[in-house]
Amino acid sequence: MNTKQQKINIITLGCAKNTVDSEALYSQLLHNEFSLTETIEDADIAIINTCGFIDAAKRQSVDTILSAVERKTSGQLDKVYVMGCLVERYKNDLQKEIPEIDNFFGTNELPNILRAGKF
């Protein structure tokens, strides 16, 4: 299936900057004619924008990632992407501990995500 035909759900966790980054990604995806959905239950691809600074937010980010990975493992999602501060700070640990994640994007990579064809 063409990636642009798959439905993408963006989950935003953490600070107001994450909200702004997710909104920018959402706009960029719409502009490039990707299909977006408001719920993970309707999605083929989940993008989780994480927080990596506040302990409670880090736990929430990891729990959300694990929930999405569980959906992927059970066939309810095709791909799980993780972006944001948690990736910037703990990418190596995440890659080792949760290998089911399909790709990682740091906070500075937002403009390059679509250009690089990583979807």
C-alpha atoms as a PDB file:
ATOM      1  CA  MET A   1       0.000   0.000   0.000  1.00  0.00           C
ATOM      2  CA  ASN A   2       1.225   3.477  -0.863  1.00  0.00           C
ATOM      3  CA  THR A   3       2.296   5.278   2.309  1.00  0.00           C
ATOM      4  CA  LYS A   4       0.272   8.352   1.335  1.00  0.00           C
ATOM      5  CA  GLN A   5      -2.859   6.173   1.366  1.00  0.00           C
ATOM      6  CA  GLN A   6      -2.152   4.868   4.844  1.00  0.00           C
ATOM      7  CA  LYS A   7      -3.725   6.782   7.713  1.00  0.00           C
ATOM      8  CA  ILE A   8      -1.318   8.520  10.073  1.00  0.00           C
ATOM      9  CA  ASN A   9      -2.048   9.411  13.696  1.00  0.00           C
ATOM     10  CA  ILE A  10       0.177  11.899  15.523  1.00  0.00           C
ATOM     11  CA  ILE A  11       0.287  11.549  19.312  1.00  0.00           C
ATOM     12  CA  THR A  12       1.693  14.592  21.097  1.00  0.00           C
ATOM     13  CA  LEU A  13       3.113  14.352  24.613  1.00  0.00           C
ATOM     14  CA  GLY A  14       4.981  16.908  26.688  1.00  0.00           C
ATOM     15  CA  CYS A  15       5.389  20.634  26.358  1.00  0.00           C
ATOM     16  CA  ALA A  16       3.905  23.359  24.191  1.00  0.00           C
ATOM     17  CA  LYS A  17       6.904  23.106  21.827  1.00  0.00           C
ATOM     18  CA  ASN A  18       5.920  19.506  21.101  1.00  0.00           C
ATOM     19  CA  THR A  19       2.425  20.704  20.262  1.00  0.00           C
ATOM     20  CA  VAL A  20       3.861  23.261  17.840  1.00  0.00           C
ATOM     21  CA  ASP A  21       6.179  20.626  16.291  1.00  0.00           C
ATOM     22  CA  SER A  22       3.285  18.187  15.893  1.00  0.00           C
ATOM     23  CA  GLU A  23       1.112  20.874  14.312  1.00  0.00           C
ATOM     24  CA  ALA A  24       3.921  21.690  11.866  1.00  0.00           C
ATOM     25  CA  LEU A  25       4.300  18.008  10.996  1.00  0.00           C
ATOM     26  CA  TYR A  26       0.518  17.670  10.637  1.00  0.00           C
ATOM     27  CA  SER A  27       0.453  20.627   8.217  1.00  0.00           C
ATOM     28  CA  GLN A  28       3.416  19.272   6.287  1.00  0.00           C
ATOM     29  CA  LEU A  29       1.758  15.862   5.959  1.00  0.00           C
ATOM     30  CA  LEU A  30      -1.521  17.430   4.790  1.00  0.00           C
ATOM     31  CA  HIS A  31       0.347  19.611   2.304  1.00  0.00           C
ATOM     32  CA  ASN A  32       1.990  16.486   0.885  1.00  0.00           C
ATOM     33  CA  GLU A  33      -1.394  14.745   0.645  1.00  0.00           C
ATOM     34  CA  PHE A  34      -0.893  12.171   3.376  1.00  0.00           C
ATOM     35  CA  SER A  35      -4.036  10.797   5.000  1.00  0.00           C
ATOM     36  CA  LEU A  36      -4.381  11.701   8.690  1.00  0.00           C
ATOM     37  CA  THR A  37      -6.647  10.377  11.422  1.00  0.00           C
ATOM     38  CA  GLU A  38      -7.470  11.656  14.884  1.00  0.00           C
ATOM     39  CA  THR A  39      -7.311   8.238  16.580  1.00  0.00           C
ATOM     40  CA  ILE A  40      -4.735   5.495  16.749  1.00  0.00           C
ATOM     41  CA  GLU A  41      -7.533   2.947  16.338  1.00  0.00           C
ATOM     42  CA  ASP A  42      -8.064   4.202  12.762  1.00  0.00           C
ATOM     43  CA  ALA A  43      -4.357   4.550  11.955  1.00  0.00           C
ATOM     44  CA  ASP A  44      -1.907   2.471   9.962  1.00  0.00           C
ATOM     45  CA  ILE A  45       1.060   4.544  11.142  1.00  0.00           C
ATOM     46  CA  ALA A  46       1.570   6.115  14.580  1.00  0.00           C
ATOM     47  CA  ILE A  47       3.945   9.023  15.114  1.00  0.00           C
ATOM     48  CA  ILE A  48       4.625   9.650  18.802  1.00  0.00           C
ATOM     49  CA  ASN A  49       6.092  13.045  19.680  1.00  0.00           C
ATOM     50  CA  THR A  50       7.737  12.482  23.059  1.00  0.00           C
ATOM     51  CA  CYS A  51       9.019  14.401  26.065  1.00  0.00           C
ATOM     52  CA  GLY A  52      12.394  13.468  27.500  1.00  0.00           C
ATOM     53  CA  PHE A  53      12.816  15.820  30.438  1.00  0.00           C
ATOM     54  CA  ILE A  54      10.131  15.486  33.111  1.00  0.00           C
ATOM     55  CA  ASP A  55      10.067  12.026  34.740  1.00  0.00           C
ATOM     56  CA  ALA A  56       6.288  11.646  34.558  1.00  0.00           C
ATOM     57  CA  ALA A  57       6.315  12.717  30.910  1.00  0.00           C
ATOM     58  CA  LYS A  58       9.150  10.287  30.121  1.00  0.00           C
ATOM     59  CA  ARG A  59       7.120   7.455  31.660  1.00  0.00           C
ATOM     60  CA  GLN A  60       4.054   8.545  29.703  1.00  0.00           C
ATOM     61  CA  SER A  61       6.122   8.629  26.511  1.00  0.00           C
ATOM     62  CA  VAL A  62       7.537   5.139  27.070  1.00  0.00           C
ATOM     63  CA  ASP A  63       4.097   3.765  28.007  1.00  0.00           C
ATOM     64  CA  THR A  64       2.597   5.288  24.853  1.00  0.00           C
ATOM     65  CA  ILE A  65       5.390   3.841  22.708  1.00  0.00           C
ATOM     66  CA  LEU A  66       4.920   0.395  24.254  1.00  0.00           C
ATOM     67  CA  SER A  67       1.162   0.582  23.673  1.00  0.00           C
ATOM     68  CA  ALA A  68       1.697   1.492  20.012  1.00  0.00           C
ATOM     69  CA  VAL A  69       4.281  -1.276  19.596  1.00  0.00           C
ATOM     70  CA  GLU A  70       1.782  -3.722  21.086  1.00  0.00           C
ATOM     71  CA  ARG A  71      -0.762  -2.589  18.473  1.00  0.00           C
ATOM     72  CA  LYS A  72       1.880  -3.107  15.775  1.00  0.00           C
ATOM     73  CA  THR A  73       2.782  -6.572  17.055  1.00  0.00           C
ATOM     74  CA  SER A  74      -0.894  -7.568  17.018  1.00  0.00           C
ATOM     75  CA  GLY A  75      -1.328  -6.300  13.442  1.00  0.00           C
ATOM     76  CA  GLN A  76      -3.363  -3.197  14.288  1.00  0.00           C
ATOM     77  CA  LEU A  77      -0.602  -0.813  13.121  1.00  0.00           C
ATOM     78  CA  ASP A  78       1.906  -1.088  10.298  1.00  0.00           C
ATOM     79  CA  LYS A  79       4.551   1.295  11.595  1.00  0.00           C
ATOM     80  CA  VAL A  80       5.537   3.177  14.743  1.00  0.00           C
ATOM     81  CA  TYR A  81       7.723   6.289  14.520  1.00  0.00           C
ATOM     82  CA  VAL A  82       9.044   8.134  17.563  1.00  0.00           C
ATOM     83  CA  MET A  83      10.217  11.732  17.565  1.00  0.00           C
ATOM     84  CA  GLY A  84      10.983  14.484  20.037  1.00  0.00           C
ATOM     85  CA  CYS A  85      13.120  15.052  23.086  1.00  0.00           C
ATOM     86  CA  LEU A  86      13.079  11.467  24.337  1.00  0.00           C
ATOM     87  CA  VAL A  87      14.711  10.441  21.053  1.00  0.00           C
ATOM     88  CA  GLU A  88      17.307  13.198  21.369  1.00  0.00           C
ATOM     89  CA  ARG A  89      18.293  12.054  24.845  1.00  0.00           C
ATOM     90  CA  TYR A  90      17.770   8.273  24.766  1.00  0.00           C
ATOM     91  CA  LYS A  91      17.796   7.084  21.148  1.00  0.00           C
ATOM     92  CA  ASN A  92      20.390   4.349  21.707  1.00  0.00           C
ATOM     93  CA  ASP A  93      18.488   2.982  24.717  1.00  0.00           C
ATOM     94  CA  LEU A  94      15.183   3.083  22.827  1.00  0.00           C
ATOM     95  CA  GLN A  95      16.692   1.286  19.828  1.00  0.00           C
ATOM     96  CA  LYS A  96      18.070  -1.419  22.094  1.00  0.00           C
ATOM     97  CA  GLU A  97      15.050  -1.803  24.391  1.00  0.00           C
ATOM     98  CA  ILE A  98      12.227  -1.368  21.845  1.00  0.00           C
ATOM     99  CA  PRO A  99      13.506  -2.642  18.479  1.00  0.00           C
ATOM    100  CA  GLU A 100       9.963  -2.739  17.073  1.00  0.00           C
ATOM    101  CA  ILE A 101      10.080   1.044  16.547  1.00  0.00           C
ATOM    102  CA  ASP A 102      10.430   1.628  12.810  1.00  0.00           C
ATOM    103  CA  ASN A 103      12.282   4.936  12.888  1.00  0.00           C
ATOM    104  CA  PHE A 104      13.385   7.773  15.153  1.00  0.00           C
ATOM    105  CA  PHE A 105      13.416  11.526  14.542  1.00  0.00           C
ATOM    106  CA  GLY A 106      15.081  14.067  16.788  1.00  0.00           C
ATOM    107  CA  THR A 107      13.713  17.521  17.507  1.00  0.00           C
ATOM    108  CA  ASN A 108      15.939  19.123  14.872  1.00  0.00           C
ATOM    109  CA  GLU A 109      14.945  16.713  12.111  1.00  0.00           C
ATOM    110  CA  LEU A 110      11.338  17.826  11.650  1.00  0.00           C
ATOM    111  CA  PRO A 111      11.970  19.708   8.367  1.00  0.00           C
ATOM    112  CA  ASN A 112      13.773  16.693   6.906  1.00  0.00           C
ATOM    113  CA  ILE A 113      11.304  13.940   7.773  1.00  0.00           C
ATOM    114  CA  LEU A 114       9.285  14.025   4.557  1.00  0.00           C
ATOM    115  CA  ARG A 115      12.163  15.081   2.294  1.00  0.00           C
ATOM    116  CA  ALA A 116      14.178  12.059   3.340  1.00  0.00           C
ATOM    117  CA  GLY A 117      11.352   9.709   2.375  1.00  0.00           C
ATOM    118  CA  LYS A 118      11.340   8.144   5.821  1.00  0.00           C
ATOM    119  CA  PHE A 119       7.592   7.542   5.658  1.00  0.00           C
END
